[in-house]
């Protein structure tokens, strides 16, 4: 990830799969926890607790499963960043530069 744009339609509740990379190499997420920090255009945080899972520990793949009301057009564009905490409780953010942008279109 890193300045990536994701486009979905309002009400989307299907999986959104992402892969975390550092310097072009997949991040090993074994034993880590991942949290999605997703903010609407109004700056308000979207509750995503429990909606993010690691689906590929060794190749940095995660899945966000949004609730039906999480992604709405009137709050678009969203800014997204993933917070990874490793087994030594060190924290790293992806992307570390500009947040990813999620555009939500009306149905």
PDB file of N, CA and C in Angstrom:
ATOM      1  N   UNK A   1       0.838  -1.170   0.000  1.00  0.00           N
ATOM      2  CA  UNK A   1       0.000   0.000   0.000  1.00  0.00           C
ATOM      3  C   UNK A   1       0.886   1.236   0.000  1.00  0.00           C
ATOM      4  N   UNK A   2       0.286   2.398  -0.145  1.00  0.00           N
ATOM      5  CA  UNK A   2       1.022   3.647  -0.119  1.00  0.00           C
ATOM      6  C   UNK A   2       0.449   4.610  -1.114  1.00  0.00           C
ATOM      7  N   UNK A   3      -0.489   5.466  -0.698  1.00  0.00           N
ATOM      8  CA  UNK A   3      -1.104   6.397  -1.606  1.00  0.00           C
ATOM      9  C   UNK A   3      -2.018   5.722  -2.608  1.00  0.00           C
ATOM     10  N   UNK A   4      -2.421   4.514  -2.326  1.00  0.00           N
ATOM     11  CA  UNK A   4      -3.290   3.745  -3.208  1.00  0.00           C
ATOM     12  C   UNK A   4      -4.732   4.288  -3.143  1.00  0.00           C
ATOM     13  N   UNK A   5      -5.470   4.113  -4.236  1.00  0.00           N
ATOM     14  CA  UNK A   5      -6.884   4.492  -4.283  1.00  0.00           C
ATOM     15  C   UNK A   5      -7.717   3.225  -4.425  1.00  0.00           C
ATOM     16  N   UNK A   6      -8.721   3.088  -3.562  1.00  0.00           N
ATOM     17  CA  UNK A   6      -9.669   1.979  -3.620  1.00  0.00           C
ATOM     18  C   UNK A   6     -11.035   2.576  -3.881  1.00  0.00           C
ATOM     19  N   UNK A   7     -11.782   1.994  -4.807  1.00  0.00           N
ATOM     20  CA  UNK A   7     -13.125   2.482  -5.116  1.00  0.00           C
ATOM     21  C   UNK A   7     -14.141   1.383  -4.842  1.00  0.00           C
ATOM     22  N   UNK A   8     -15.204   1.741  -4.119  1.00  0.00           N
ATOM     23  CA  UNK A   8     -16.300   0.820  -3.832  1.00  0.00           C
ATOM     24  C   UNK A   8     -17.616   1.569  -3.973  1.00  0.00           C
ATOM     25  N   UNK A   9     -18.706   0.832  -3.927  1.00  0.00           N
ATOM     26  CA  UNK A   9     -20.046   1.407  -4.001  1.00  0.00           C
ATOM     27  C   UNK A   9     -20.644   1.432  -2.598  1.00  0.00           C
ATOM     28  N   UNK A  10     -21.409   2.471  -2.302  1.00  0.00           N
ATOM     29  CA  UNK A  10     -22.034   2.640  -0.988  1.00  0.00           C
ATOM     30  C   UNK A  10     -22.773   1.371  -0.569  1.00  0.00           C
ATOM     31  N   UNK A  11     -22.585   0.976   0.681  1.00  0.00           N
ATOM     32  CA  UNK A  11     -23.230  -0.222   1.206  1.00  0.00           C
ATOM     33  C   UNK A  11     -22.394  -1.481   1.033  1.00  0.00           C
ATOM     34  N   UNK A  12     -21.223  -1.353   0.430  1.00  0.00           N
ATOM     35  CA  UNK A  12     -20.326  -2.496   0.191  1.00  0.00           C
ATOM     36  C   UNK A  12     -20.058  -3.214   1.510  1.00  0.00           C
ATOM     37  N   UNK A  13     -20.278  -4.522   1.521  1.00  0.00           N
ATOM     38  CA  UNK A  13     -19.974  -5.308   2.723  1.00  0.00           C
ATOM     39  C   UNK A  13     -19.172  -6.564   2.381  1.00  0.00           C
ATOM     40  N   UNK A  14     -18.701  -6.636   1.141  1.00  0.00           N
ATOM     41  CA  UNK A  14     -17.843  -7.748   0.734  1.00  0.00           C
ATOM     42  C   UNK A  14     -16.423  -7.522   1.204  1.00  0.00           C
ATOM     43  N   UNK A  15     -15.592  -8.556   1.138  1.00  0.00           N
ATOM     44  CA  UNK A  15     -14.220  -8.426   1.611  1.00  0.00           C
ATOM     45  C   UNK A  15     -13.393  -7.470   0.758  1.00  0.00           C
ATOM     46  N   UNK A  16     -12.532  -6.720   1.430  1.00  0.00           N
ATOM     47  CA  UNK A  16     -11.545  -5.872   0.772  1.00  0.00           C
ATOM     48  C   UNK A  16     -10.192  -6.418   1.224  1.00  0.00           C
ATOM     49  N   UNK A  17      -9.482  -7.046   0.298  1.00  0.00           N
ATOM     50  CA  UNK A  17      -8.199  -7.672   0.603  1.00  0.00           C
ATOM     51  C   UNK A  17      -7.058  -6.734   0.234  1.00  0.00           C
ATOM     52  N   UNK A  18      -6.086  -6.647   1.115  1.00  0.00           N
ATOM     53  CA  UNK A  18      -4.927  -5.780   0.922  1.00  0.00           C
ATOM     54  C   UNK A  18      -3.666  -6.552   1.261  1.00  0.00           C
ATOM     55  N   UNK A  19      -2.549  -6.117   0.686  1.00  0.00           N
ATOM     56  CA  UNK A  19      -1.267  -6.734   1.025  1.00  0.00           C
ATOM     57  C   UNK A  19      -0.322  -5.642   1.499  1.00  0.00           C
ATOM     58  N   UNK A  20       0.297  -5.877   2.639  1.00  0.00           N
ATOM     59  CA  UNK A  20       1.239  -4.917   3.202  1.00  0.00           C
ATOM     60  C   UNK A  20       2.644  -5.238   2.723  1.00  0.00           C
ATOM     61  N   UNK A  21       3.318  -4.201   2.197  1.00  0.00           N
ATOM     62  CA  UNK A  21       4.686  -4.368   1.718  1.00  0.00           C
ATOM     63  C   UNK A  21       5.552  -3.253   2.271  1.00  0.00           C
ATOM     64  N   UNK A  22       6.822  -3.581   2.493  1.00  0.00           N
ATOM     65  CA  UNK A  22       7.830  -2.601   2.893  1.00  0.00           C
ATOM     66  C   UNK A  22       8.974  -2.718   1.895  1.00  0.00           C
ATOM     67  N   UNK A  23       9.277  -1.643   1.220  1.00  0.00           N
ATOM     68  CA  UNK A  23      10.320  -1.641   0.186  1.00  0.00           C
ATOM     69  C   UNK A  23      10.091  -2.730  -0.855  1.00  0.00           C
ATOM     70  N   UNK A  24       8.823  -2.937  -1.224  1.00  0.00           N
ATOM     71  CA  UNK A  24       8.470  -3.906  -2.249  1.00  0.00           C
ATOM     72  C   UNK A  24       8.399  -5.349  -1.800  1.00  0.00           C
ATOM     73  N   UNK A  25       8.692  -5.612  -0.538  1.00  0.00           N
ATOM     74  CA  UNK A  25       8.677  -6.975   0.006  1.00  0.00           C
ATOM     75  C   UNK A  25       7.492  -7.144   0.954  1.00  0.00           C
ATOM     76  N   UNK A  26       6.786  -8.266   0.818  1.00  0.00           N
ATOM     77  CA  UNK A  26       5.647  -8.548   1.692  1.00  0.00           C
ATOM     78  C   UNK A  26       6.089  -8.553   3.152  1.00  0.00           C
ATOM     79  N   UNK A  27       5.263  -7.976   4.014  1.00  0.00           N
ATOM     80  CA  UNK A  27       5.553  -7.896   5.444  1.00  0.00           C
ATOM     81  C   UNK A  27       5.084  -9.186   6.121  1.00  0.00           C
ATOM     82  N   UNK A  28       5.941  -9.778   6.936  1.00  0.00           N
ATOM     83  CA  UNK A  28       5.575 -10.972   7.688  1.00  0.00           C
ATOM     84  C   UNK A  28       4.750 -10.530   8.902  1.00  0.00           C
ATOM     85  N   UNK A  29       3.505 -10.973   8.963  1.00  0.00           N
ATOM     86  CA  UNK A  29       2.576 -10.575  10.027  1.00  0.00           C
ATOM     87  C   UNK A  29       2.399 -11.665  11.091  1.00  0.00           C
ATOM     88  N   UNK A  30       3.252 -12.656  11.102  1.00  0.00           N
ATOM     89  CA  UNK A  30       3.133 -13.746  12.070  1.00  0.00           C
ATOM     90  C   UNK A  30       3.170 -13.186  13.496  1.00  0.00           C
ATOM     91  N   UNK A  31       2.122 -13.460  14.266  1.00  0.00           N
ATOM     92  CA  UNK A  31       2.019 -13.009  15.649  1.00  0.00           C
ATOM     93  C   UNK A  31       1.600 -11.558  15.816  1.00  0.00           C
ATOM     94  N   UNK A  32       1.444 -10.832  14.722  1.00  0.00           N
ATOM     95  CA  UNK A  32       1.079  -9.409  14.796  1.00  0.00           C
ATOM     96  C   UNK A  32      -0.430  -9.219  14.889  1.00  0.00           C
ATOM     97  N   UNK A  33      -0.827  -8.022  15.259  1.00  0.00           N
ATOM     98  CA  UNK A  33      -2.227  -7.613  15.169  1.00  0.00           C
ATOM     99  C   UNK A  33      -2.292  -6.429  14.211  1.00  0.00           C
ATOM    100  N   UNK A  34      -3.404  -6.332  13.502  1.00  0.00           N
ATOM    101  CA  UNK A  34      -3.582  -5.265  12.518  1.00  0.00           C
ATOM    102  C   UNK A  34      -4.898  -4.551  12.794  1.00  0.00           C
ATOM    103  N   UNK A  35      -4.832  -3.231  12.781  1.00  0.00           N
ATOM    104  CA  UNK A  35      -6.020  -2.402  13.002  1.00  0.00           C
ATOM    105  C   UNK A  35      -6.148  -1.422  11.842  1.00  0.00           C
ATOM    106  N   UNK A  36      -7.355  -1.271  11.321  1.00  0.00           N
ATOM    107  CA  UNK A  36      -7.616  -0.318  10.250  1.00  0.00           C
ATOM    108  C   UNK A  36      -8.036   1.011  10.868  1.00  0.00           C
ATOM    109  N   UNK A  37      -7.332   2.071  10.501  1.00  0.00           N
ATOM    110  CA  UNK A  37      -7.698   3.430  10.911  1.00  0.00           C
ATOM    111  C   UNK A  37      -8.302   4.083   9.683  1.00  0.00           C
ATOM    112  N   UNK A  38      -9.614   4.148   9.643  1.00  0.00           N
ATOM    113  CA  UNK A  38     -10.357   4.641   8.485  1.00  0.00           C
ATOM    114  C   UNK A  38     -11.169   5.857   8.903  1.00  0.00           C
ATOM    115  N   UNK A  39     -10.881   6.988   8.277  1.00  0.00           N
ATOM    116  CA  UNK A  39     -11.562   8.240   8.605  1.00  0.00           C
ATOM    117  C   UNK A  39     -12.307   8.764   7.391  1.00  0.00           C
ATOM    118  N   UNK A  40     -13.544   9.198   7.631  1.00  0.00           N
ATOM    119  CA  UNK A  40     -14.321   9.818   6.575  1.00  0.00           C
ATOM    120  C   UNK A  40     -13.806  11.223   6.301  1.00  0.00           C
ATOM    121  N   UNK A  41     -14.334  11.856   5.257  1.00  0.00           N
ATOM    122  CA  UNK A  41     -13.933  13.221   4.894  1.00  0.00           C
ATOM    123  C   UNK A  41     -14.173  14.196   6.039  1.00  0.00           C
ATOM    124  N   UNK A  42     -15.106  13.854   6.939  1.00  0.00           N
ATOM    125  CA  UNK A  42     -15.407  14.694   8.103  1.00  0.00           C
ATOM    126  C   UNK A  42     -14.399  14.494   9.232  1.00  0.00           C
ATOM    127  N   UNK A  43     -13.430  13.580   9.051  1.00  0.00           N
ATOM    128  CA  UNK A  43     -12.411  13.320  10.064  1.00  0.00           C
ATOM    129  C   UNK A  43     -12.812  12.296  11.110  1.00  0.00           C
ATOM    130  N   UNK A  44     -14.074  11.873  11.080  1.00  0.00           N
ATOM    131  CA  UNK A  44     -14.556  10.906  12.067  1.00  0.00           C
ATOM    132  C   UNK A  44     -14.066   9.499  11.738  1.00  0.00           C
ATOM    133  N   UNK A  45     -13.625   8.797  12.768  1.00  0.00           N
ATOM    134  CA  UNK A  45     -13.128   7.435  12.632  1.00  0.00           C
ATOM    135  C   UNK A  45     -14.292   6.469  12.422  1.00  0.00           C
ATOM    136  N   UNK A  46     -14.138   5.542  11.486  1.00  0.00           N
ATOM    137  CA  UNK A  46     -15.125   4.486  11.246  1.00  0.00           C
ATOM    138  C   UNK A  46     -14.781   3.329  12.178  1.00  0.00           C
ATOM    139  N   UNK A  47     -15.770   2.825  12.898  1.00  0.00           N
ATOM    140  CA  UNK A  47     -15.536   1.693  13.802  1.00  0.00           C
ATOM    141  C   UNK A  47     -15.238   0.434  13.005  1.00  0.00           C
ATOM    142  N   UNK A  48     -14.007  -0.026  13.070  1.00  0.00           N
ATOM    143  CA  UNK A  48     -13.638  -1.222  12.306  1.00  0.00           C
ATOM    144  C   UNK A  48     -13.117  -2.335  13.206  1.00  0.00           C
ATOM    145  N   UNK A  49     -13.272  -2.183  14.501  1.00  0.00           N
ATOM    146  CA  UNK A  49     -12.789  -3.183  15.448  1.00  0.00           C
ATOM    147  C   UNK A  49     -13.435  -4.538  15.161  1.00  0.00           C
ATOM    148  N   UNK A  50     -12.629  -5.553  15.044  1.00  0.00           N
ATOM    149  CA  UNK A  50     -13.139  -6.898  14.772  1.00  0.00           C
ATOM    150  C   UNK A  50     -13.411  -7.169  13.312  1.00  0.00           C
ATOM    151  N   UNK A  51     -13.217  -6.169  12.443  1.00  0.00           N
ATOM    152  CA  UNK A  51     -13.514  -6.343  11.021  1.00  0.00           C
ATOM    153  C   UNK A  51     -12.257  -6.577  10.176  1.00  0.00           C
ATOM    154  N   UNK A  52     -11.093  -6.648  10.818  1.00  0.00           N
ATOM    155  CA  UNK A  52      -9.840  -6.855  10.093  1.00  0.00           C
ATOM    156  C   UNK A  52      -9.222  -8.168  10.556  1.00  0.00           C
ATOM    157  N   UNK A  53      -8.870  -9.011   9.590  1.00  0.00           N
ATOM    158  CA  UNK A  53      -8.205 -10.278   9.912  1.00  0.00           C
ATOM    159  C   UNK A  53      -6.979 -10.444   9.021  1.00  0.00           C
ATOM    160  N   UNK A  54      -6.025 -11.182   9.530  1.00  0.00           N
ATOM    161  CA  UNK A  54      -4.847 -11.525   8.745  1.00  0.00           C
ATOM    162  C   UNK A  54      -5.176 -12.818   8.015  1.00  0.00           C
ATOM    163  N   UNK A  55      -5.094 -12.794   6.694  1.00  0.00           N
ATOM    164  CA  UNK A  55      -5.430 -13.996   5.902  1.00  0.00           C
ATOM    165  C   UNK A  55      -4.191 -14.648   5.294  1.00  0.00           C
ATOM    166  N   UNK A  56      -3.043 -14.000   5.438  1.00  0.00           N
ATOM    167  CA  UNK A  56      -1.776 -14.549   4.947  1.00  0.00           C
ATOM    168  C   UNK A  56      -0.635 -13.985   5.770  1.00  0.00           C
ATOM    169  N   UNK A  57      -0.309 -14.654   6.863  1.00  0.00           N
ATOM    170  CA  UNK A  57       0.700 -14.141   7.799  1.00  0.00           C
ATOM    171  C   UNK A  57       2.047 -13.882   7.149  1.00  0.00           C
ATOM    172  N   UNK A  58       2.538 -14.836   6.366  1.00  0.00           N
ATOM    173  CA  UNK A  58       3.884 -14.703   5.833  1.00  0.00           C
ATOM    174  C   UNK A  58       3.971 -13.817   4.599  1.00  0.00           C
ATOM    175  N   UNK A  59       2.834 -13.573   3.940  1.00  0.00           N
ATOM    176  CA  UNK A  59       2.880 -12.711   2.753  1.00  0.00           C
ATOM    177  C   UNK A  59       2.115 -11.401   2.935  1.00  0.00           C
ATOM    178  N   UNK A  60       1.864 -11.013   4.188  1.00  0.00           N
ATOM    179  CA  UNK A  60       1.324  -9.697   4.489  1.00  0.00           C
ATOM    180  C   UNK A  60      -0.089  -9.418   4.022  1.00  0.00           C
ATOM    181  N   UNK A  61      -0.898 -10.462   3.856  1.00  0.00           N
ATOM    182  CA  UNK A  61      -2.260 -10.242   3.360  1.00  0.00           C
ATOM    183  C   UNK A  61      -3.261 -10.091   4.507  1.00  0.00           C
ATOM    184  N   UNK A  62      -4.086  -9.052   4.402  1.00  0.00           N
ATOM    185  CA  UNK A  62      -5.141  -8.823   5.391  1.00  0.00           C
ATOM    186  C   UNK A  62      -6.472  -8.649   4.672  1.00  0.00           C
ATOM    187  N   UNK A  63      -7.560  -8.808   5.438  1.00  0.00           N
ATOM    188  CA  UNK A  63      -8.914  -8.655   4.884  1.00  0.00           C
ATOM    189  C   UNK A  63      -9.710  -7.744   5.804  1.00  0.00           C
ATOM    190  N   UNK A  64     -10.354  -6.748   5.181  1.00  0.00           N
ATOM    191  CA  UNK A  64     -11.298  -5.886   5.890  1.00  0.00           C
ATOM    192  C   UNK A  64     -12.687  -6.271   5.416  1.00  0.00           C
ATOM    193  N   UNK A  65     -13.566  -6.570   6.354  1.00  0.00           N
ATOM    194  CA  UNK A  65     -14.945  -6.926   6.057  1.00  0.00           C
ATOM    195  C   UNK A  65     -15.835  -5.829   6.636  1.00  0.00           C
ATOM    196  N   UNK A  66     -16.165  -4.807   5.832  1.00  0.00           N
ATOM    197  CA  UNK A  66     -16.935  -3.676   6.347  1.00  0.00           C
ATOM    198  C   UNK A  66     -18.379  -4.054   6.670  1.00  0.00           C
ATOM    199  N   UNK A  67     -18.938  -3.358   7.644  1.00  0.00           N
ATOM    200  CA  UNK A  67     -20.359  -3.475   7.906  1.00  0.00           C
ATOM    201  C   UNK A  67     -21.087  -2.656   6.828  1.00  0.00           C
ATOM    202  N   UNK A  68     -22.351  -2.946   6.581  1.00  0.00           N
ATOM    203  CA  UNK A  68     -23.112  -2.287   5.514  1.00  0.00           C
ATOM    204  C   UNK A  68     -23.068  -0.763   5.615  1.00  0.00           C
ATOM    205  N   UNK A  69     -23.118  -0.203   6.805  1.00  0.00           N
ATOM    206  CA  UNK A  69     -23.148   1.252   6.965  1.00  0.00           C
ATOM    207  C   UNK A  69     -21.788   1.916   7.111  1.00  0.00           C
ATOM    208  N   UNK A  70     -20.697   1.157   6.982  1.00  0.00           N
ATOM    209  CA  UNK A  70     -19.362   1.737   7.171  1.00  0.00           C
ATOM    210  C   UNK A  70     -18.942   2.674   6.050  1.00  0.00           C
ATOM    211  N   UNK A  71     -19.224   2.307   4.818  1.00  0.00           N
ATOM    212  CA  UNK A  71     -18.748   3.054   3.663  1.00  0.00           C
ATOM    213  C   UNK A  71     -19.913   3.733   2.947  1.00  0.00           C
ATOM    214  N   UNK A  72     -20.068   5.026   3.185  1.00  0.00           N
ATOM    215  CA  UNK A  72     -21.181   5.783   2.601  1.00  0.00           C
ATOM    216  C   UNK A  72     -20.640   6.938   1.762  1.00  0.00           C
ATOM    217  N   UNK A  73     -21.311   7.227   0.660  1.00  0.00           N
ATOM    218  CA  UNK A  73     -20.840   8.221  -0.302  1.00  0.00           C
ATOM    219  C   UNK A  73     -20.688   9.611   0.311  1.00  0.00           C
ATOM    220  N   UNK A  74     -21.598  10.014   1.186  1.00  0.00           N
ATOM    221  CA  UNK A  74     -21.541  11.375   1.729  1.00  0.00           C
ATOM    222  C   UNK A  74     -20.323  11.617   2.616  1.00  0.00           C
ATOM    223  N   UNK A  75     -19.657  10.555   3.089  1.00  0.00           N
ATOM    224  CA  UNK A  75     -18.456  10.691   3.927  1.00  0.00           C
ATOM    225  C   UNK A  75     -17.171  10.492   3.128  1.00  0.00           C
ATOM    226  N   UNK A  76     -17.315  10.255   1.822  1.00  0.00           N
ATOM    227  CA  UNK A  76     -16.180  10.023   0.943  1.00  0.00           C
ATOM    228  C   UNK A  76     -15.534  11.354   0.550  1.00  0.00           C
ATOM    229  N   UNK A  77     -14.237  11.401   0.321  1.00  0.00           N
ATOM    230  CA  UNK A  77     -13.294  10.300   0.337  1.00  0.00           C
ATOM    231  C   UNK A  77     -12.840   9.966   1.762  1.00  0.00           C
ATOM    232  N   UNK A  78     -12.594   8.695   1.981  1.00  0.00           N
ATOM    233  CA  UNK A  78     -12.059   8.214   3.247  1.00  0.00           C
ATOM    234  C   UNK A  78     -10.540   8.185   3.157  1.00  0.00           C
ATOM    235  N   UNK A  79      -9.891   8.290   4.297  1.00  0.00           N
ATOM    236  CA  UNK A  79      -8.432   8.138   4.393  1.00  0.00           C
ATOM    237  C   UNK A  79      -8.173   6.885   5.227  1.00  0.00           C
ATOM    238  N   UNK A  80      -7.299   6.015   4.736  1.00  0.00           N
ATOM    239  CA  UNK A  80      -7.052   4.731   5.399  1.00  0.00           C
ATOM    240  C   UNK A  80      -5.575   4.534   5.701  1.00  0.00           C
ATOM    241  N   UNK A  81      -5.329   3.959   6.862  1.00  0.00           N
ATOM    242  CA  UNK A  81      -3.973   3.590   7.276  1.00  0.00           C
ATOM    243  C   UNK A  81      -4.117   2.344   8.147  1.00  0.00           C
ATOM    244  N   UNK A  82      -3.179   1.403   8.017  1.00  0.00           N
ATOM    245  CA  UNK A  82      -3.190   0.195   8.832  1.00  0.00           C
ATOM    246  C   UNK A  82      -2.127   0.291   9.910  1.00  0.00           C
ATOM    247  N   UNK A  83      -2.524  -0.042  11.128  1.00  0.00           N
ATOM    248  CA  UNK A  83      -1.623  -0.022  12.276  1.00  0.00           C
ATOM    249  C   UNK A  83      -1.272  -1.469  12.615  1.00  0.00           C
ATOM    250  N   UNK A  84       0.021  -1.794  12.533  1.00  0.00           N
ATOM    251  CA  UNK A  84       0.486  -3.152  12.802  1.00  0.00           C
ATOM    252  C   UNK A  84       1.289  -3.137  14.094  1.00  0.00           C
ATOM    253  N   UNK A  85       0.902  -4.015  15.024  1.00  0.00           N
ATOM    254  CA  UNK A  85       1.627  -4.173  16.285  1.00  0.00           C
ATOM    255  C   UNK A  85       2.220  -5.571  16.293  1.00  0.00           C
ATOM    256  N   UNK A  86       3.564  -5.636  16.412  1.00  0.00           N
ATOM    257  CA  UNK A  86       4.215  -6.953  16.386  1.00  0.00           C
ATOM    258  C   UNK A  86       4.266  -7.570  17.786  1.00  0.00           C
ATOM    259  N   UNK A  87       4.869  -8.740  17.890  1.00  0.00           N
ATOM    260  CA  UNK A  87       4.900  -9.479  19.157  1.00  0.00           C
ATOM    261  C   UNK A  87       5.701  -8.769  20.241  1.00  0.00           C
ATOM    262  N   UNK A  88       6.577  -7.841  19.858  1.00  0.00           N
ATOM    263  CA  UNK A  88       7.353  -7.060  20.836  1.00  0.00           C
ATOM    264  C   UNK A  88       6.666  -5.718  21.121  1.00  0.00           C
ATOM    265  N   UNK A  89       5.411  -5.604  20.712  1.00  0.00           N
ATOM    266  CA  UNK A  89       4.561  -4.408  20.843  1.00  0.00           C
ATOM    267  C   UNK A  89       5.135  -3.176  20.141  1.00  0.00           C
ATOM    268  N   UNK A  90       5.959  -3.399  19.106  1.00  0.00           N
ATOM    269  CA  UNK A  90       6.398  -2.292  18.259  1.00  0.00           C
ATOM    270  C   UNK A  90       5.287  -2.004  17.263  1.00  0.00           C
ATOM    271  N   UNK A  91       5.070  -0.728  16.980  1.00  0.00           N
ATOM    272  CA  UNK A  91       3.979  -0.293  16.104  1.00  0.00           C
ATOM    273  C   UNK A  91       4.552   0.307  14.833  1.00  0.00           C
ATOM    274  N   UNK A  92       3.973  -0.113  13.693  1.00  0.00           N
ATOM    275  CA  UNK A  92       4.334   0.412  12.384  1.00  0.00           C
ATOM    276  C   UNK A  92       3.036   0.720  11.645  1.00  0.00           C
ATOM    277  N   UNK A  93       3.035   1.779  10.848  1.00  0.00           N
ATOM    278  CA  UNK A  93       1.851   2.161  10.076  1.00  0.00           C
ATOM    279  C   UNK A  93       2.098   1.957   8.587  1.00  0.00           C
ATOM    280  N   UNK A  94       1.062   1.514   7.890  1.00  0.00           N
ATOM    281  CA  UNK A  94       1.094   1.334   6.435  1.00  0.00           C
ATOM    282  C   UNK A  94      -0.085   2.074   5.832  1.00  0.00           C
ATOM    283  N   UNK A  95       0.096   2.973   4.903  1.00  0.00           N
ATOM    284  CA  UNK A  95       1.402   3.480   4.498  1.00  0.00           C
ATOM    285  C   UNK A  95       1.959   4.423   5.560  1.00  0.00           C
ATOM    286  N   UNK A  96       3.272   4.652   5.503  1.00  0.00           N
ATOM    287  CA  UNK A  96       3.895   5.581   6.452  1.00  0.00           C
ATOM    288  C   UNK A  96       3.894   6.994   5.896  1.00  0.00           C
ATOM    289  N   UNK A  97       3.653   7.119   4.602  1.00  0.00           N
ATOM    290  CA  UNK A  97       3.530   8.431   3.967  1.00  0.00           C
ATOM    291  C   UNK A  97       2.071   8.848   3.937  1.00  0.00           C
ATOM    292  N   UNK A  98       1.651   9.365   2.809  1.00  0.00           N
ATOM    293  CA  UNK A  98       0.264   9.811   2.642  1.00  0.00           C
ATOM    294  C   UNK A  98      -0.694   8.635   2.789  1.00  0.00           C
ATOM    295  N   UNK A  99      -1.822   8.871   3.462  1.00  0.00           N
ATOM    296  CA  UNK A  99      -2.840   7.832   3.648  1.00  0.00           C
ATOM    297  C   UNK A  99      -3.382   7.359   2.306  1.00  0.00           C
ATOM    298  N   UNK A 100      -3.851   6.114   2.294  1.00  0.00           N
ATOM    299  CA  UNK A 100      -4.574   5.621   1.129  1.00  0.00           C
ATOM    300  C   UNK A 100      -5.909   6.339   1.068  1.00  0.00           C
ATOM    301  N   UNK A 101      -6.469   6.451  -0.121  1.00  0.00           N
ATOM    302  CA  UNK A 101      -7.756   7.114  -0.295  1.00  0.00           C
ATOM    303  C   UNK A 101      -8.777   6.076  -0.756  1.00  0.00           C
ATOM    304  N   UNK A 102      -9.915   6.053  -0.083  1.00  0.00           N
ATOM    305  CA  UNK A 102     -11.003   5.165  -0.460  1.00  0.00           C
ATOM    306  C   UNK A 102     -12.155   6.032  -0.941  1.00  0.00           C
ATOM    307  N   UNK A 103     -12.552   5.838  -2.193  1.00  0.00           N
ATOM    308  CA  UNK A 103     -13.662   6.580  -2.787  1.00  0.00           C
ATOM    309  C   UNK A 103     -14.913   5.708  -2.770  1.00  0.00           C
ATOM    310  N   UNK A 104     -15.999   6.274  -2.265  1.00  0.00           N
ATOM    311  CA  UNK A 104     -17.257   5.534  -2.188  1.00  0.00           C
ATOM    312  C   UNK A 104     -18.262   6.204  -3.112  1.00  0.00           C
ATOM    313  N   UNK A 105     -18.764   5.456  -4.066  1.00  0.00           N
ATOM    314  CA  UNK A 105     -19.725   5.957  -5.051  1.00  0.00           C
ATOM    315  C   UNK A 105     -21.146   5.595  -4.621  1.00  0.00           C
ATOM    316  N   UNK A 106     -22.095   6.423  -5.015  1.00  0.00           N
ATOM    317  CA  UNK A 106     -23.511   6.123  -4.735  1.00  0.00           C
ATOM    318  C   UNK A 106     -23.943   4.929  -5.545  1.00  0.00           C
ATOM    319  N   UNK A 107     -24.859   4.153  -4.979  1.00  0.00           N
ATOM    320  CA  UNK A 107     -25.372   2.955  -5.669  1.00  0.00           C
ATOM    321  C   UNK A 107     -26.233   3.335  -6.853  1.00  0.00           C
TER     322      UNK A 107
END
